[in-house]
Amino acid sequence: MENYENLSFNDIIKLTKASEKKYMEGNFRGAFQDKMEVKSYLKSKFCNKKIIEKYRKELSKIYYSKFDLIKDHKLKIDLIKKSKIIELLEKKSYEKYQKGDYKGAFKALRRSEKYLAN
């Protein structure tokens, strides 16, 4: 995509949901690439704190589960520890992607997003 000026919040959510669909269908590489596209937009100059906050709330809806160990763990750790875990998982995700383990890369990236969600 690379042209983020015309990208709306709904486009970000559609891309995130498309990524989840690709993951469920077994297209791990495509799912990972879509997630990375969303992450690069969120880090771009066109994204503000309001959009990031709305995205975090939407992630909570996408990843809702009655039995969620990550959600329970988030309640017991502080913000610094949470950011270290997110950073570690994103690093693992990138390493697995470089090795060709697309499924593992996507799972690590997805897990990091669960820590990011509200």
N, C-alpha and C. Protein backbone atom coordinates (compact mmCIF):
# COMPACT_ATOMS: atom_id res chain seq x y z
N MET A 1 0.82 -1.19 0.00
CA MET A 1 0.00 0.00 0.00
C MET A 1 0.86 1.26 0.00
N GLU A 2 1.71 1.42 0.96
CA GLU A 2 2.66 2.52 1.04
C GLU A 2 2.08 3.93 0.95
N ASN A 3 0.91 4.13 0.35
CA ASN A 3 0.28 5.44 0.29
C ASN A 3 -0.73 5.52 1.43
N TYR A 4 -0.27 6.06 2.54
CA TYR A 4 -1.09 6.06 3.75
C TYR A 4 -1.98 7.29 3.89
N GLU A 5 -1.80 8.27 3.04
CA GLU A 5 -2.57 9.51 3.17
C GLU A 5 -4.07 9.28 3.04
N ASN A 6 -4.46 8.37 2.17
CA ASN A 6 -5.88 8.15 1.90
C ASN A 6 -6.45 6.95 2.66
N LEU A 7 -5.66 6.36 3.53
CA LEU A 7 -6.09 5.18 4.27
C LEU A 7 -6.94 5.61 5.46
N SER A 8 -8.13 5.03 5.59
CA SER A 8 -9.02 5.39 6.69
C SER A 8 -8.94 4.32 7.79
N PHE A 9 -9.56 4.62 8.91
CA PHE A 9 -9.60 3.67 10.02
C PHE A 9 -10.31 2.38 9.60
N ASN A 10 -11.37 2.52 8.83
CA ASN A 10 -12.11 1.34 8.36
C ASN A 10 -11.24 0.46 7.46
N ASP A 11 -10.37 1.08 6.67
CA ASP A 11 -9.45 0.31 5.83
C ASP A 11 -8.48 -0.50 6.68
N ILE A 12 -8.04 0.08 7.79
CA ILE A 12 -7.13 -0.62 8.70
C ILE A 12 -7.82 -1.84 9.30
N ILE A 13 -9.05 -1.65 9.74
CA ILE A 13 -9.81 -2.75 10.33
C ILE A 13 -10.09 -3.83 9.29
N LYS A 14 -10.43 -3.43 8.06
CA LYS A 14 -10.67 -4.40 7.00
C LYS A 14 -9.41 -5.21 6.72
N LEU A 15 -8.26 -4.54 6.71
CA LEU A 15 -7.00 -5.23 6.47
C LEU A 15 -6.67 -6.18 7.61
N THR A 16 -6.97 -5.79 8.84
CA THR A 16 -6.74 -6.65 9.99
C THR A 16 -7.64 -7.88 9.93
N LYS A 17 -8.89 -7.69 9.59
CA LYS A 17 -9.82 -8.82 9.49
C LYS A 17 -9.47 -9.72 8.30
N ALA A 18 -9.00 -9.13 7.21
CA ALA A 18 -8.56 -9.92 6.06
C ALA A 18 -7.36 -10.78 6.45
N SER A 19 -6.50 -10.21 7.26
CA SER A 19 -5.34 -10.94 7.74
C SER A 19 -5.77 -12.14 8.58
N GLU A 20 -6.74 -11.94 9.46
CA GLU A 20 -7.26 -13.03 10.28
C GLU A 20 -7.89 -14.12 9.40
N LYS A 21 -8.61 -13.71 8.37
CA LYS A 21 -9.24 -14.67 7.46
C LYS A 21 -8.18 -15.49 6.72
N LYS A 22 -7.14 -14.82 6.25
CA LYS A 22 -6.06 -15.53 5.57
C LYS A 22 -5.40 -16.53 6.51
N TYR A 23 -5.24 -16.14 7.76
CA TYR A 23 -4.65 -17.03 8.76
C TYR A 23 -5.52 -18.28 8.93
N MET A 24 -6.81 -18.10 9.05
CA MET A 24 -7.73 -19.22 9.22
C MET A 24 -7.74 -20.14 7.99
N GLU A 25 -7.48 -19.56 6.83
CA GLU A 25 -7.45 -20.35 5.59
C GLU A 25 -6.10 -21.02 5.36
N GLY A 26 -5.11 -20.69 6.19
CA GLY A 26 -3.80 -21.32 6.05
C GLY A 26 -2.80 -20.52 5.25
N ASN A 27 -3.16 -19.31 4.82
CA ASN A 27 -2.25 -18.45 4.08
C ASN A 27 -1.47 -17.59 5.08
N PHE A 28 -0.49 -18.20 5.75
CA PHE A 28 0.22 -17.54 6.83
C PHE A 28 1.10 -16.40 6.35
N ARG A 29 1.71 -16.58 5.20
CA ARG A 29 2.57 -15.52 4.66
C ARG A 29 1.75 -14.27 4.33
N GLY A 30 0.63 -14.45 3.66
CA GLY A 30 -0.24 -13.33 3.32
C GLY A 30 -0.80 -12.65 4.55
N ALA A 31 -1.15 -13.46 5.55
CA ALA A 31 -1.68 -12.92 6.81
C ALA A 31 -0.61 -12.07 7.51
N PHE A 32 0.62 -12.58 7.53
CA PHE A 32 1.71 -11.84 8.16
C PHE A 32 1.98 -10.53 7.43
N GLN A 33 1.98 -10.58 6.11
CA GLN A 33 2.26 -9.37 5.33
C GLN A 33 1.18 -8.31 5.54
N ASP A 34 -0.07 -8.74 5.65
CA ASP A 34 -1.15 -7.78 5.94
C ASP A 34 -0.97 -7.14 7.31
N LYS A 35 -0.60 -7.95 8.30
CA LYS A 35 -0.38 -7.42 9.65
C LYS A 35 0.78 -6.41 9.65
N MET A 36 1.82 -6.72 8.91
CA MET A 36 2.96 -5.81 8.85
C MET A 36 2.58 -4.50 8.16
N GLU A 37 1.68 -4.57 7.19
CA GLU A 37 1.18 -3.37 6.52
C GLU A 37 0.45 -2.49 7.52
N VAL A 38 -0.38 -3.10 8.35
CA VAL A 38 -1.12 -2.35 9.38
C VAL A 38 -0.14 -1.73 10.36
N LYS A 39 0.86 -2.51 10.80
CA LYS A 39 1.83 -2.00 11.77
C LYS A 39 2.62 -0.83 11.19
N SER A 40 3.00 -0.92 9.92
CA SER A 40 3.76 0.18 9.32
C SER A 40 2.91 1.44 9.21
N TYR A 41 1.60 1.27 8.96
CA TYR A 41 0.73 2.45 8.95
C TYR A 41 0.64 3.06 10.34
N LEU A 42 0.49 2.21 11.35
CA LEU A 42 0.35 2.71 12.73
C LEU A 42 1.61 3.45 13.19
N LYS A 43 2.75 3.14 12.59
CA LYS A 43 3.99 3.82 12.94
C LYS A 43 4.28 5.02 12.03
N SER A 44 3.45 5.23 11.03
CA SER A 44 3.69 6.32 10.08
C SER A 44 3.25 7.66 10.66
N LYS A 45 3.62 8.73 9.96
CA LYS A 45 3.26 10.08 10.42
C LYS A 45 1.78 10.40 10.21
N PHE A 46 1.08 9.58 9.42
CA PHE A 46 -0.33 9.82 9.14
C PHE A 46 -1.25 9.26 10.22
N CYS A 47 -0.69 8.54 11.16
CA CYS A 47 -1.48 7.92 12.22
C CYS A 47 -1.32 8.72 13.50
N ASN A 48 -2.43 9.05 14.15
CA ASN A 48 -2.36 9.80 15.40
C ASN A 48 -2.79 8.91 16.57
N LYS A 49 -2.70 9.43 17.77
CA LYS A 49 -3.03 8.67 18.98
C LYS A 49 -4.49 8.24 19.01
N LYS A 50 -5.35 9.05 18.46
CA LYS A 50 -6.78 8.73 18.44
C LYS A 50 -7.04 7.46 17.63
N ILE A 51 -6.40 7.36 16.49
CA ILE A 51 -6.55 6.18 15.63
C ILE A 51 -5.98 4.95 16.32
N ILE A 52 -4.83 5.11 16.96
CA ILE A 52 -4.21 3.98 17.66
C ILE A 52 -5.11 3.49 18.78
N GLU A 53 -5.70 4.41 19.52
CA GLU A 53 -6.60 4.04 20.61
C GLU A 53 -7.84 3.30 20.08
N LYS A 54 -8.41 3.79 18.98
CA LYS A 54 -9.56 3.11 18.37
C LYS A 54 -9.16 1.72 17.88
N TYR A 55 -7.95 1.60 17.34
CA TYR A 55 -7.45 0.32 16.86
C TYR A 55 -7.30 -0.67 18.02
N ARG A 56 -6.78 -0.20 19.14
CA ARG A 56 -6.62 -1.07 20.32
C ARG A 56 -7.98 -1.58 20.80
N LYS A 57 -8.98 -0.72 20.79
CA LYS A 57 -10.32 -1.15 21.20
C LYS A 57 -10.88 -2.18 20.23
N GLU A 58 -10.64 -1.97 18.96
CA GLU A 58 -11.12 -2.91 17.94
C GLU A 58 -10.41 -4.26 18.07
N LEU A 59 -9.12 -4.24 18.42
CA LEU A 59 -8.39 -5.49 18.64
C LEU A 59 -9.02 -6.29 19.77
N SER A 60 -9.47 -5.59 20.80
CA SER A 60 -10.11 -6.26 21.92
C SER A 60 -11.36 -7.01 21.46
N LYS A 61 -12.08 -6.44 20.50
CA LYS A 61 -13.27 -7.09 19.97
C LYS A 61 -12.90 -8.29 19.09
N ILE A 62 -11.86 -8.13 18.29
CA ILE A 62 -11.45 -9.19 17.37
C ILE A 62 -10.92 -10.39 18.14
N TYR A 63 -10.13 -10.14 19.17
CA TYR A 63 -9.47 -11.22 19.90
C TYR A 63 -10.20 -11.62 21.18
N TYR A 64 -11.48 -11.31 21.30
CA TYR A 64 -12.22 -11.63 22.51
C TYR A 64 -12.32 -13.16 22.68
N SER A 65 -12.06 -13.60 23.89
CA SER A 65 -12.18 -15.00 24.22
C SER A 65 -12.60 -15.11 25.68
N LYS A 66 -13.45 -16.05 25.98
CA LYS A 66 -13.92 -16.24 27.35
C LYS A 66 -12.75 -16.65 28.25
N PHE A 67 -11.87 -17.50 27.73
CA PHE A 67 -10.71 -17.96 28.48
C PHE A 67 -9.46 -17.42 27.81
N ASP A 68 -9.00 -16.29 28.26
CA ASP A 68 -7.86 -15.62 27.65
C ASP A 68 -6.76 -15.43 28.70
N LEU A 69 -5.72 -16.26 28.61
CA LEU A 69 -4.63 -16.19 29.58
C LEU A 69 -3.82 -14.90 29.45
N ILE A 70 -3.70 -14.40 28.23
CA ILE A 70 -2.95 -13.15 28.04
C ILE A 70 -3.67 -12.00 28.72
N LYS A 71 -4.99 -11.97 28.62
CA LYS A 71 -5.76 -10.91 29.28
C LYS A 71 -5.56 -10.98 30.80
N ASP A 72 -5.59 -12.17 31.35
CA ASP A 72 -5.36 -12.34 32.78
C ASP A 72 -3.95 -11.90 33.17
N HIS A 73 -2.97 -12.23 32.34
CA HIS A 73 -1.58 -11.86 32.61
C HIS A 73 -1.38 -10.35 32.53
N LYS A 74 -2.05 -9.70 31.58
CA LYS A 74 -1.93 -8.25 31.43
C LYS A 74 -2.36 -7.50 32.69
N LEU A 75 -3.32 -8.07 33.40
CA LEU A 75 -3.81 -7.42 34.62
C LEU A 75 -2.78 -7.42 35.73
N LYS A 76 -1.83 -8.35 35.68
CA LYS A 76 -0.86 -8.51 36.76
C LYS A 76 0.48 -7.84 36.48
N ILE A 77 0.71 -7.39 35.26
CA ILE A 77 2.01 -6.79 34.94
C ILE A 77 1.87 -5.30 34.71
N ASP A 78 2.98 -4.59 34.86
CA ASP A 78 2.96 -3.15 34.66
C ASP A 78 3.23 -2.80 33.19
N LEU A 79 3.13 -1.53 32.88
CA LEU A 79 3.25 -1.05 31.50
C LEU A 79 4.64 -1.32 30.91
N ILE A 80 5.67 -1.18 31.72
CA ILE A 80 7.05 -1.40 31.24
C ILE A 80 7.24 -2.86 30.84
N LYS A 81 6.79 -3.76 31.69
CA LYS A 81 6.90 -5.19 31.40
C LYS A 81 6.08 -5.55 30.16
N LYS A 82 4.90 -4.96 30.04
CA LYS A 82 4.04 -5.22 28.89
C LYS A 82 4.73 -4.79 27.60
N SER A 83 5.35 -3.61 27.61
CA SER A 83 6.02 -3.12 26.40
C SER A 83 7.24 -3.98 26.05
N LYS A 84 7.93 -4.52 27.06
CA LYS A 84 9.07 -5.41 26.81
C LYS A 84 8.59 -6.72 26.16
N ILE A 85 7.47 -7.23 26.65
CA ILE A 85 6.91 -8.46 26.08
C ILE A 85 6.50 -8.24 24.63
N ILE A 86 5.85 -7.11 24.36
CA ILE A 86 5.43 -6.79 22.99
C ILE A 86 6.65 -6.69 22.07
N GLU A 87 7.67 -6.02 22.54
CA GLU A 87 8.90 -5.86 21.76
C GLU A 87 9.54 -7.21 21.48
N LEU A 88 9.61 -8.07 22.49
CA LEU A 88 10.19 -9.40 22.34
C LEU A 88 9.40 -10.24 21.33
N LEU A 89 8.09 -10.20 21.43
CA LEU A 89 7.25 -10.98 20.52
C LEU A 89 7.37 -10.48 19.08
N GLU A 90 7.45 -9.17 18.90
CA GLU A 90 7.62 -8.62 17.54
C GLU A 90 8.97 -9.02 16.97
N LYS A 91 10.00 -9.04 17.82
CA LYS A 91 11.33 -9.46 17.37
C LYS A 91 11.31 -10.93 16.96
N LYS A 92 10.68 -11.77 17.78
CA LYS A 92 10.56 -13.20 17.45
C LYS A 92 9.80 -13.38 16.15
N SER A 93 8.76 -12.60 15.97
CA SER A 93 7.95 -12.68 14.76
C SER A 93 8.80 -12.40 13.53
N TYR A 94 9.58 -11.35 13.60
CA TYR A 94 10.43 -10.98 12.46
C TYR A 94 11.47 -12.07 12.19
N GLU A 95 12.07 -12.62 13.25
CA GLU A 95 13.07 -13.68 13.09
C GLU A 95 12.46 -14.92 12.44
N LYS A 96 11.28 -15.29 12.88
CA LYS A 96 10.62 -16.47 12.31
C LYS A 96 10.25 -16.22 10.85
N TYR A 97 9.85 -15.00 10.53
CA TYR A 97 9.53 -14.66 9.14
C TYR A 97 10.77 -14.79 8.27
N GLN A 98 11.90 -14.32 8.78
CA GLN A 98 13.16 -14.41 8.01
C GLN A 98 13.55 -15.86 7.75
N LYS A 99 13.22 -16.76 8.70
CA LYS A 99 13.55 -18.18 8.55
C LYS A 99 12.54 -18.92 7.68
N GLY A 100 11.44 -18.28 7.33
CA GLY A 100 10.43 -18.91 6.49
C GLY A 100 9.31 -19.57 7.28
N ASP A 101 9.31 -19.40 8.59
CA ASP A 101 8.24 -19.96 9.43
C ASP A 101 7.13 -18.92 9.53
N TYR A 102 6.28 -18.85 8.50
CA TYR A 102 5.25 -17.82 8.42
C TYR A 102 4.16 -18.01 9.47
N LYS A 103 3.83 -19.26 9.74
CA LYS A 103 2.80 -19.53 10.75
C LYS A 103 3.28 -19.07 12.13
N GLY A 104 4.51 -19.41 12.48
CA GLY A 104 5.07 -19.00 13.76
C GLY A 104 5.21 -17.49 13.85
N ALA A 105 5.59 -16.87 12.75
CA ALA A 105 5.74 -15.42 12.72
C ALA A 105 4.41 -14.73 12.95
N PHE A 106 3.37 -15.24 12.31
CA PHE A 106 2.05 -14.64 12.47
C PHE A 106 1.53 -14.84 13.88
N LYS A 107 1.75 -16.02 14.44
CA LYS A 107 1.28 -16.29 15.81
C LYS A 107 1.96 -15.36 16.82
N ALA A 108 3.25 -15.15 16.66
CA ALA A 108 3.96 -14.25 17.58
C ALA A 108 3.47 -12.82 17.43
N LEU A 109 3.24 -12.39 16.21
CA LEU A 109 2.73 -11.04 15.96
C LEU A 109 1.32 -10.87 16.53
N ARG A 110 0.52 -11.89 16.35
CA ARG A 110 -0.84 -11.87 16.88
C ARG A 110 -0.83 -11.81 18.41
N ARG A 111 0.06 -12.58 19.01
CA ARG A 111 0.18 -12.58 20.47
C ARG A 111 0.61 -11.20 20.97
N SER A 112 1.50 -10.53 20.25
CA SER A 112 1.93 -9.19 20.65
C SER A 112 0.77 -8.21 20.57
N GLU A 113 -0.10 -8.40 19.56
CA GLU A 113 -1.28 -7.52 19.45
C GLU A 113 -2.25 -7.75 20.59
N LYS A 114 -2.32 -8.95 21.10
CA LYS A 114 -3.19 -9.23 22.24
C LYS A 114 -2.72 -8.47 23.47
N TYR A 115 -1.41 -8.34 23.62
CA TYR A 115 -0.89 -7.53 24.73
C TYR A 115 -1.15 -6.06 24.50
N LEU A 116 -1.21 -5.64 23.25
CA LEU A 116 -1.46 -4.24 22.90
C LEU A 116 -2.92 -3.86 23.09
N ALA A 117 -3.83 -4.82 22.89
CA ALA A 117 -5.26 -4.56 22.99
C ALA A 117 -5.65 -4.13 24.40
N ASN A 118 -6.75 -3.40 24.50
CA ASN A 118 -7.25 -2.95 25.80
C ASN A 118 -7.84 -4.08 26.59
